[in-house]
């Protein structure tokens, strides 16, 4: 049972999962060059979960909701190229 729920809670618990890769430095690129601008969508699942949890918090449903966001900054090399550090 999720932390914070009373022990007698026997009802359903809604679980949401989203993947959020915040930046891909491209050290090992398996994407075709024509699709590189679509890298920003790699974080869409995580962003959707954050937005959903905000809306759920405001709506205060009777069903407990848990969200897991697997987030990472994808930098497979020791010296990545990241525009934020220029």
PDB file of N, CA and C in Angstrom:
ATOM      1  N   UNK A   1       0.844  -1.179   0.000  1.00  0.00           N
ATOM      2  CA  UNK A   1       0.000   0.000   0.000  1.00  0.00           C
ATOM      3  C   UNK A   1       0.891   1.244   0.000  1.00  0.00           C
ATOM      4  N   UNK A   2       0.540   2.230  -0.780  1.00  0.00           N
ATOM      5  CA  UNK A   2       1.345   3.455  -0.822  1.00  0.00           C
ATOM      6  C   UNK A   2       1.438   4.143   0.534  1.00  0.00           C
ATOM      7  N   UNK A   3       2.564   4.750   0.781  1.00  0.00           N
ATOM      8  CA  UNK A   3       2.782   5.478   2.029  1.00  0.00           C
ATOM      9  C   UNK A   3       1.756   6.601   2.171  1.00  0.00           C
ATOM     10  N   UNK A   4       1.230   6.770   3.369  1.00  0.00           N
ATOM     11  CA  UNK A   4       0.282   7.844   3.633  1.00  0.00           C
ATOM     12  C   UNK A   4      -1.175   7.421   3.561  1.00  0.00           C
ATOM     13  N   UNK A   5      -1.447   6.225   3.032  1.00  0.00           N
ATOM     14  CA  UNK A   5      -2.830   5.748   2.984  1.00  0.00           C
ATOM     15  C   UNK A   5      -3.156   5.002   4.266  1.00  0.00           C
ATOM     16  N   UNK A   6      -4.376   5.151   4.759  1.00  0.00           N
ATOM     17  CA  UNK A   6      -4.757   4.388   5.947  1.00  0.00           C
ATOM     18  C   UNK A   6      -4.710   2.888   5.658  1.00  0.00           C
ATOM     19  N   UNK A   7      -4.360   2.090   6.652  1.00  0.00           N
ATOM     20  CA  UNK A   7      -4.235   0.640   6.477  1.00  0.00           C
ATOM     21  C   UNK A   7      -5.539   0.012   5.997  1.00  0.00           C
ATOM     22  N   UNK A   8      -6.669   0.603   6.364  1.00  0.00           N
ATOM     23  CA  UNK A   8      -7.956   0.017   5.985  1.00  0.00           C
ATOM     24  C   UNK A   8      -8.364   0.351   4.541  1.00  0.00           C
ATOM     25  N   UNK A   9      -7.588   1.170   3.868  1.00  0.00           N
ATOM     26  CA  UNK A   9      -7.915   1.511   2.475  1.00  0.00           C
ATOM     27  C   UNK A   9      -7.756   0.263   1.617  1.00  0.00           C
ATOM     28  N   UNK A  10      -8.838  -0.211   1.070  1.00  0.00           N
ATOM     29  CA  UNK A  10      -8.782  -1.418   0.253  1.00  0.00           C
ATOM     30  C   UNK A  10      -9.177  -1.154  -1.185  1.00  0.00           C
ATOM     31  N   UNK A  11      -9.364   0.093  -1.514  1.00  0.00           N
ATOM     32  CA  UNK A  11      -9.823   0.438  -2.848  1.00  0.00           C
ATOM     33  C   UNK A  11      -8.694   0.518  -3.859  1.00  0.00           C
ATOM     34  N   UNK A  12      -9.026   0.915  -5.068  1.00  0.00           N
ATOM     35  CA  UNK A  12      -8.028   1.007  -6.134  1.00  0.00           C
ATOM     36  C   UNK A  12      -7.066   2.177  -5.912  1.00  0.00           C
ATOM     37  N   UNK A  13      -5.893   2.032  -6.464  1.00  0.00           N
ATOM     38  CA  UNK A  13      -4.886   3.093  -6.484  1.00  0.00           C
ATOM     39  C   UNK A  13      -4.485   3.264  -7.952  1.00  0.00           C
ATOM     40  N   UNK A  14      -4.560   4.484  -8.442  1.00  0.00           N
ATOM     41  CA  UNK A  14      -4.203   4.757  -9.833  1.00  0.00           C
ATOM     42  C   UNK A  14      -2.714   5.065  -9.910  1.00  0.00           C
ATOM     43  N   UNK A  15      -2.014   4.403 -10.820  1.00  0.00           N
ATOM     44  CA  UNK A  15      -0.592   4.649 -11.011  1.00  0.00           C
ATOM     45  C   UNK A  15      -0.314   5.193 -12.402  1.00  0.00           C
ATOM     46  N   UNK A  16       0.519   6.219 -12.495  1.00  0.00           N
ATOM     47  CA  UNK A  16       0.898   6.837 -13.765  1.00  0.00           C
ATOM     48  C   UNK A  16       2.424   6.812 -13.882  1.00  0.00           C
ATOM     49  N   UNK A  17       2.925   6.550 -15.084  1.00  0.00           N
ATOM     50  CA  UNK A  17       4.372   6.497 -15.308  1.00  0.00           C
ATOM     51  C   UNK A  17       4.709   7.292 -16.564  1.00  0.00           C
ATOM     52  N   UNK A  18       5.779   8.089 -16.483  1.00  0.00           N
ATOM     53  CA  UNK A  18       6.227   8.843 -17.653  1.00  0.00           C
ATOM     54  C   UNK A  18       7.739   8.906 -17.722  1.00  0.00           C
ATOM     55  N   UNK A  19       8.283   8.845 -18.931  1.00  0.00           N
ATOM     56  CA  UNK A  19       9.729   8.918 -19.149  1.00  0.00           C
ATOM     57  C   UNK A  19      10.104  10.340 -19.540  1.00  0.00           C
ATOM     58  N   UNK A  20      11.163  10.852 -18.936  1.00  0.00           N
ATOM     59  CA  UNK A  20      11.593  12.209 -19.249  1.00  0.00           C
ATOM     60  C   UNK A  20      13.099  12.294 -19.426  1.00  0.00           C
ATOM     61  N   UNK A  21      13.564  12.226 -20.664  1.00  0.00           N
ATOM     62  CA  UNK A  21      14.978  12.446 -20.951  1.00  0.00           C
ATOM     63  C   UNK A  21      15.101  13.933 -21.255  1.00  0.00           C
ATOM     64  N   UNK A  22      15.744  14.690 -20.337  1.00  0.00           N
ATOM     65  CA  UNK A  22      15.722  16.145 -20.446  1.00  0.00           C
ATOM     66  C   UNK A  22      16.641  16.698 -21.520  1.00  0.00           C
ATOM     67  N   UNK A  23      17.731  15.995 -21.804  1.00  0.00           N
ATOM     68  CA  UNK A  23      18.637  16.463 -22.856  1.00  0.00           C
ATOM     69  C   UNK A  23      19.462  15.292 -23.349  1.00  0.00           C
ATOM     70  N   UNK A  24      19.637  15.181 -24.638  1.00  0.00           N
ATOM     71  CA  UNK A  24      20.440  14.111 -25.223  1.00  0.00           C
ATOM     72  C   UNK A  24      21.622  14.755 -25.921  1.00  0.00           C
ATOM     73  N   UNK A  25      22.814  14.540 -25.384  1.00  0.00           N
ATOM     74  CA  UNK A  25      24.003  15.185 -25.939  1.00  0.00           C
ATOM     75  C   UNK A  25      24.433  14.579 -27.259  1.00  0.00           C
ATOM     76  N   UNK A  26      23.818  13.456 -27.618  1.00  0.00           N
ATOM     77  CA  UNK A  26      24.086  12.881 -28.924  1.00  0.00           C
ATOM     78  C   UNK A  26      25.405  12.153 -29.051  1.00  0.00           C
ATOM     79  N   UNK A  27      26.088  11.870 -27.959  1.00  0.00           N
ATOM     80  CA  UNK A  27      27.363  11.158 -28.031  1.00  0.00           C
ATOM     81  C   UNK A  27      27.276   9.889 -28.851  1.00  0.00           C
ATOM     82  N   UNK A  28      26.205   9.155 -28.678  1.00  0.00           N
ATOM     83  CA  UNK A  28      25.942   7.956 -29.472  1.00  0.00           C
ATOM     84  C   UNK A  28      24.576   8.187 -30.100  1.00  0.00           C
ATOM     85  N   UNK A  29      24.548   8.523 -31.365  1.00  0.00           N
ATOM     86  CA  UNK A  29      23.297   8.884 -32.014  1.00  0.00           C
ATOM     87  C   UNK A  29      22.801   7.741 -32.890  1.00  0.00           C
ATOM     88  N   UNK A  30      21.620   7.236 -32.580  1.00  0.00           N
ATOM     89  CA  UNK A  30      21.017   6.213 -33.431  1.00  0.00           C
ATOM     90  C   UNK A  30      19.823   6.790 -34.200  1.00  0.00           C
ATOM     91  N   UNK A  31      19.547   8.071 -33.999  1.00  0.00           N
ATOM     92  CA  UNK A  31      18.452   8.715 -34.712  1.00  0.00           C
ATOM     93  C   UNK A  31      18.961   9.267 -36.040  1.00  0.00           C
ATOM     94  N   UNK A  32      18.156   9.158 -37.080  1.00  0.00           N
ATOM     95  CA  UNK A  32      18.537   9.792 -38.341  1.00  0.00           C
ATOM     96  C   UNK A  32      18.616  11.313 -38.175  1.00  0.00           C
ATOM     97  N   UNK A  33      19.527  11.949 -38.881  1.00  0.00           N
ATOM     98  CA  UNK A  33      19.701  13.395 -38.786  1.00  0.00           C
ATOM     99  C   UNK A  33      18.429  14.178 -39.033  1.00  0.00           C
ATOM    100  N   UNK A  34      17.559  13.656 -39.904  1.00  0.00           N
ATOM    101  CA  UNK A  34      16.312  14.351 -40.214  1.00  0.00           C
ATOM    102  C   UNK A  34      15.370  14.446 -39.014  1.00  0.00           C
ATOM    103  N   UNK A  35      15.599  13.620 -38.004  1.00  0.00           N
ATOM    104  CA  UNK A  35      14.690  13.594 -36.858  1.00  0.00           C
ATOM    105  C   UNK A  35      15.294  14.204 -35.592  1.00  0.00           C
ATOM    106  N   UNK A  36      16.455  14.823 -35.673  1.00  0.00           N
ATOM    107  CA  UNK A  36      17.115  15.357 -34.481  1.00  0.00           C
ATOM    108  C   UNK A  36      16.296  16.444 -33.784  1.00  0.00           C
ATOM    109  N   UNK A  37      15.536  17.220 -34.539  1.00  0.00           N
ATOM    110  CA  UNK A  37      14.759  18.288 -33.903  1.00  0.00           C
ATOM    111  C   UNK A  37      13.639  17.717 -33.035  1.00  0.00           C
ATOM    112  N   UNK A  38      13.352  16.446 -33.200  1.00  0.00           N
ATOM    113  CA  UNK A  38      12.297  15.808 -32.412  1.00  0.00           C
ATOM    114  C   UNK A  38      12.808  15.301 -31.066  1.00  0.00           C
ATOM    115  N   UNK A  39      14.101  15.526 -30.759  1.00  0.00           N
ATOM    116  CA  UNK A  39      14.649  15.094 -29.472  1.00  0.00           C
ATOM    117  C   UNK A  39      13.885  15.697 -28.302  1.00  0.00           C
ATOM    118  N   UNK A  40      13.342  16.891 -28.497  1.00  0.00           N
ATOM    119  CA  UNK A  40      12.635  17.556 -27.397  1.00  0.00           C
ATOM    120  C   UNK A  40      11.422  16.750 -26.931  1.00  0.00           C
ATOM    121  N   UNK A  41      10.925  15.854 -27.764  1.00  0.00           N
ATOM    122  CA  UNK A  41       9.779  15.042 -27.380  1.00  0.00           C
ATOM    123  C   UNK A  41      10.172  13.911 -26.431  1.00  0.00           C
ATOM    124  N   UNK A  42      11.477  13.667 -26.251  1.00  0.00           N
ATOM    125  CA  UNK A  42      11.931  12.609 -25.355  1.00  0.00           C
ATOM    126  C   UNK A  42      11.518  12.867 -23.910  1.00  0.00           C
ATOM    127  N   UNK A  43      11.189  14.103 -23.582  1.00  0.00           N
ATOM    128  CA  UNK A  43      10.802  14.423 -22.209  1.00  0.00           C
ATOM    129  C   UNK A  43       9.282  14.569 -22.044  1.00  0.00           C
ATOM    130  N   UNK A  44       8.555  14.297 -23.110  1.00  0.00           N
ATOM    131  CA  UNK A  44       7.110  14.542 -23.091  1.00  0.00           C
ATOM    132  C   UNK A  44       6.362  13.679 -22.072  1.00  0.00           C
ATOM    133  N   UNK A  45       6.764  12.430 -21.896  1.00  0.00           N
ATOM    134  CA  UNK A  45       6.070  11.557 -20.944  1.00  0.00           C
ATOM    135  C   UNK A  45       6.199  12.060 -19.517  1.00  0.00           C
ATOM    136  N   UNK A  46       7.421  12.488 -19.148  1.00  0.00           N
ATOM    137  CA  UNK A  46       7.637  13.033 -17.809  1.00  0.00           C
ATOM    138  C   UNK A  46       6.876  14.323 -17.601  1.00  0.00           C
ATOM    139  N   UNK A  47       6.884  15.181 -18.601  1.00  0.00           N
ATOM    140  CA  UNK A  47       6.165  16.453 -18.502  1.00  0.00           C
ATOM    141  C   UNK A  47       4.661  16.222 -18.390  1.00  0.00           C
ATOM    142  N   UNK A  48       4.154  15.244 -19.125  1.00  0.00           N
ATOM    143  CA  UNK A  48       2.723  14.934 -19.062  1.00  0.00           C
ATOM    144  C   UNK A  48       2.328  14.458 -17.661  1.00  0.00           C
ATOM    145  N   UNK A  49       3.193  13.662 -17.026  1.00  0.00           N
ATOM    146  CA  UNK A  49       2.891  13.189 -15.669  1.00  0.00           C
ATOM    147  C   UNK A  49       2.894  14.335 -14.663  1.00  0.00           C
ATOM    148  N   UNK A  50       3.839  15.263 -14.802  1.00  0.00           N
ATOM    149  CA  UNK A  50       3.861  16.419 -13.897  1.00  0.00           C
ATOM    150  C   UNK A  50       2.597  17.261 -14.057  1.00  0.00           C
ATOM    151  N   UNK A  51       2.198  17.485 -15.294  1.00  0.00           N
ATOM    152  CA  UNK A  51       0.970  18.237 -15.555  1.00  0.00           C
ATOM    153  C   UNK A  51      -0.262  17.511 -15.049  1.00  0.00           C
ATOM    154  N   UNK A  52      -0.292  16.206 -15.254  1.00  0.00           N
ATOM    155  CA  UNK A  52      -1.437  15.414 -14.789  1.00  0.00           C
ATOM    156  C   UNK A  52      -1.534  15.448 -13.266  1.00  0.00           C
ATOM    157  N   UNK A  53      -0.400  15.328 -12.584  1.00  0.00           N
ATOM    158  CA  UNK A  53      -0.431  15.341 -11.122  1.00  0.00           C
ATOM    159  C   UNK A  53      -0.843  16.703 -10.581  1.00  0.00           C
ATOM    160  N   UNK A  54      -0.479  17.764 -11.266  1.00  0.00           N
ATOM    161  CA  UNK A  54      -0.918  19.101 -10.849  1.00  0.00           C
ATOM    162  C   UNK A  54      -2.440  19.200 -10.951  1.00  0.00           C
ATOM    163  N   UNK A  55      -2.985  18.743 -12.082  1.00  0.00           N
ATOM    164  CA  UNK A  55      -4.435  18.777 -12.267  1.00  0.00           C
ATOM    165  C   UNK A  55      -5.137  17.873 -11.254  1.00  0.00           C
ATOM    166  N   UNK A  56      -4.576  16.698 -11.007  1.00  0.00           N
ATOM    167  CA  UNK A  56      -5.158  15.757 -10.047  1.00  0.00           C
ATOM    168  C   UNK A  56      -5.148  16.362  -8.644  1.00  0.00           C
ATOM    169  N   UNK A  57      -4.064  17.031  -8.288  1.00  0.00           N
ATOM    170  CA  UNK A  57      -3.987  17.668  -6.961  1.00  0.00           C
ATOM    171  C   UNK A  57      -5.075  18.724  -6.798  1.00  0.00           C
ATOM    172  N   UNK A  58      -5.338  19.476  -7.844  1.00  0.00           N
ATOM    173  CA  UNK A  58      -6.378  20.505  -7.779  1.00  0.00           C
ATOM    174  C   UNK A  58      -7.776  19.898  -7.723  1.00  0.00           C
ATOM    175  N   UNK A  59      -7.961  18.764  -8.407  1.00  0.00           N
ATOM    176  CA  UNK A  59      -9.283  18.122  -8.442  1.00  0.00           C
ATOM    177  C   UNK A  59      -9.590  17.315  -7.181  1.00  0.00           C
ATOM    178  N   UNK A  60      -8.547  16.897  -6.465  1.00  0.00           N
ATOM    179  CA  UNK A  60      -8.700  16.127  -5.216  1.00  0.00           C
ATOM    180  C   UNK A  60      -9.628  14.917  -5.386  1.00  0.00           C
ATOM    181  N   UNK A  61      -9.268  13.976  -6.254  1.00  0.00           N
ATOM    182  CA  UNK A  61     -10.131  12.798  -6.449  1.00  0.00           C
ATOM    183  C   UNK A  61     -10.150  11.914  -5.206  1.00  0.00           C
ATOM    184  N   UNK A  62     -11.160  11.078  -5.107  1.00  0.00           N
ATOM    185  CA  UNK A  62     -11.273  10.164  -3.967  1.00  0.00           C
ATOM    186  C   UNK A  62     -10.341   8.966  -4.108  1.00  0.00           C
ATOM    187  N   UNK A  63      -9.863   8.716  -5.295  1.00  0.00           N
ATOM    188  CA  UNK A  63      -8.952   7.594  -5.552  1.00  0.00           C
ATOM    189  C   UNK A  63      -7.517   8.091  -5.391  1.00  0.00           C
ATOM    190  N   UNK A  64      -6.689   7.391  -4.616  1.00  0.00           N
ATOM    191  CA  UNK A  64      -5.290   7.795  -4.493  1.00  0.00           C
ATOM    192  C   UNK A  64      -4.560   7.639  -5.834  1.00  0.00           C
ATOM    193  N   UNK A  65      -3.680   8.570  -6.142  1.00  0.00           N
ATOM    194  CA  UNK A  65      -2.934   8.548  -7.400  1.00  0.00           C
ATOM    195  C   UNK A  65      -1.439   8.661  -7.090  1.00  0.00           C
ATOM    196  N   UNK A  66      -0.673   7.804  -7.729  1.00  0.00           N
ATOM    197  CA  UNK A  66       0.787   7.817  -7.595  1.00  0.00           C
ATOM    198  C   UNK A  66       1.373   8.019  -8.988  1.00  0.00           C
ATOM    199  N   UNK A  67       2.362   8.888  -9.103  1.00  0.00           N
ATOM    200  CA  UNK A  67       3.047   9.073 -10.384  1.00  0.00           C
ATOM    201  C   UNK A  67       4.531   8.808 -10.202  1.00  0.00           C
ATOM    202  N   UNK A  68       5.113   8.158 -11.187  1.00  0.00           N
ATOM    203  CA  UNK A  68       6.556   7.924 -11.230  1.00  0.00           C
ATOM    204  C   UNK A  68       7.071   8.566 -12.504  1.00  0.00           C
ATOM    205  N   UNK A  69       8.055   9.452 -12.363  1.00  0.00           N
ATOM    206  CA  UNK A  69       8.687  10.074 -13.520  1.00  0.00           C
ATOM    207  C   UNK A  69      10.142   9.629 -13.536  1.00  0.00           C
ATOM    208  N   UNK A  70      10.482   8.838 -14.521  1.00  0.00           N
ATOM    209  CA  UNK A  70      11.867   8.404 -14.707  1.00  0.00           C
ATOM    210  C   UNK A  70      12.556   9.480 -15.533  1.00  0.00           C
ATOM    211  N   UNK A  71      13.408  10.265 -14.901  1.00  0.00           N
ATOM    212  CA  UNK A  71      14.027  11.404 -15.572  1.00  0.00           C
ATOM    213  C   UNK A  71      15.542  11.280 -15.542  1.00  0.00           C
ATOM    214  N   UNK A  72      16.167  11.687 -16.637  1.00  0.00           N
ATOM    215  CA  UNK A  72      17.625  11.652 -16.722  1.00  0.00           C
ATOM    216  C   UNK A  72      18.094  12.643 -17.769  1.00  0.00           C
ATOM    217  N   UNK A  73      19.321  13.067 -17.616  1.00  0.00           N
ATOM    218  CA  UNK A  73      19.982  13.854 -18.639  1.00  0.00           C
ATOM    219  C   UNK A  73      20.956  12.899 -19.317  1.00  0.00           C
ATOM    220  N   UNK A  74      20.736  12.616 -20.564  1.00  0.00           N
ATOM    221  CA  UNK A  74      21.486  11.594 -21.279  1.00  0.00           C
ATOM    222  C   UNK A  74      22.829  12.144 -21.762  1.00  0.00           C
ATOM    223  N   UNK A  75      23.890  11.862 -21.014  1.00  0.00           N
ATOM    224  CA  UNK A  75      25.232  12.302 -21.380  1.00  0.00           C
ATOM    225  C   UNK A  75      26.189  11.112 -21.278  1.00  0.00           C
ATOM    226  N   UNK A  76      26.317  10.339 -22.368  1.00  0.00           N
ATOM    227  CA  UNK A  76      27.130   9.125 -22.312  1.00  0.00           C
ATOM    228  C   UNK A  76      28.648   9.359 -22.382  1.00  0.00           C
ATOM    229  N   UNK A  77      29.093  10.585 -22.459  1.00  0.00           N
ATOM    230  CA  UNK A  77      30.537  10.841 -22.503  1.00  0.00           C
ATOM    231  C   UNK A  77      30.934  11.742 -21.336  1.00  0.00           C
ATOM    232  N   UNK A  78      32.229  11.784 -21.043  1.00  0.00           N
ATOM    233  CA  UNK A  78      32.737  12.594 -19.936  1.00  0.00           C
ATOM    234  C   UNK A  78      32.711  14.094 -20.274  1.00  0.00           C
ATOM    235  N   UNK A  79      32.802  14.426 -21.554  1.00  0.00           N
ATOM    236  CA  UNK A  79      32.805  15.840 -21.976  1.00  0.00           C
ATOM    237  C   UNK A  79      31.737  16.069 -23.032  1.00  0.00           C
ATOM    238  N   UNK A  80      30.463  16.091 -22.621  1.00  0.00           N
ATOM    239  CA  UNK A  80      29.378  16.235 -23.595  1.00  0.00           C
ATOM    240  C   UNK A  80      29.273  17.669 -24.132  1.00  0.00           C
ATOM    241  N   UNK A  81      28.641  17.778 -25.265  1.00  0.00           N
ATOM    242  CA  UNK A  81      28.331  19.086 -25.827  1.00  0.00           C
ATOM    243  C   UNK A  81      26.927  19.440 -25.387  1.00  0.00           C
ATOM    244  N   UNK A  82      26.795  20.484 -24.579  1.00  0.00           N
ATOM    245  CA  UNK A  82      25.499  20.887 -24.060  1.00  0.00           C
ATOM    246  C   UNK A  82      25.406  22.410 -24.226  1.00  0.00           C
ATOM    247  N   UNK A  83      24.472  22.892 -25.066  1.00  0.00           N
ATOM    248  CA  UNK A  83      24.347  24.323 -25.294  1.00  0.00           C
ATOM    249  C   UNK A  83      24.130  25.132 -24.018  1.00  0.00           C
ATOM    250  N   UNK A  84      23.573  24.521 -22.985  1.00  0.00           N
ATOM    251  CA  UNK A  84      23.328  25.255 -21.729  1.00  0.00           C
ATOM    252  C   UNK A  84      24.625  25.632 -21.028  1.00  0.00           C
ATOM    253  N   UNK A  85      25.729  24.986 -21.346  1.00  0.00           N
ATOM    254  CA  UNK A  85      27.003  25.264 -20.692  1.00  0.00           C
ATOM    255  C   UNK A  85      27.915  26.154 -21.529  1.00  0.00           C
ATOM    256  N   UNK A  86      27.456  26.587 -22.682  1.00  0.00           N
ATOM    257  CA  UNK A  86      28.307  27.431 -23.547  1.00  0.00           C
ATOM    258  C   UNK A  86      28.407  28.824 -22.997  1.00  0.00           C
TER     259      UNK A  86
END
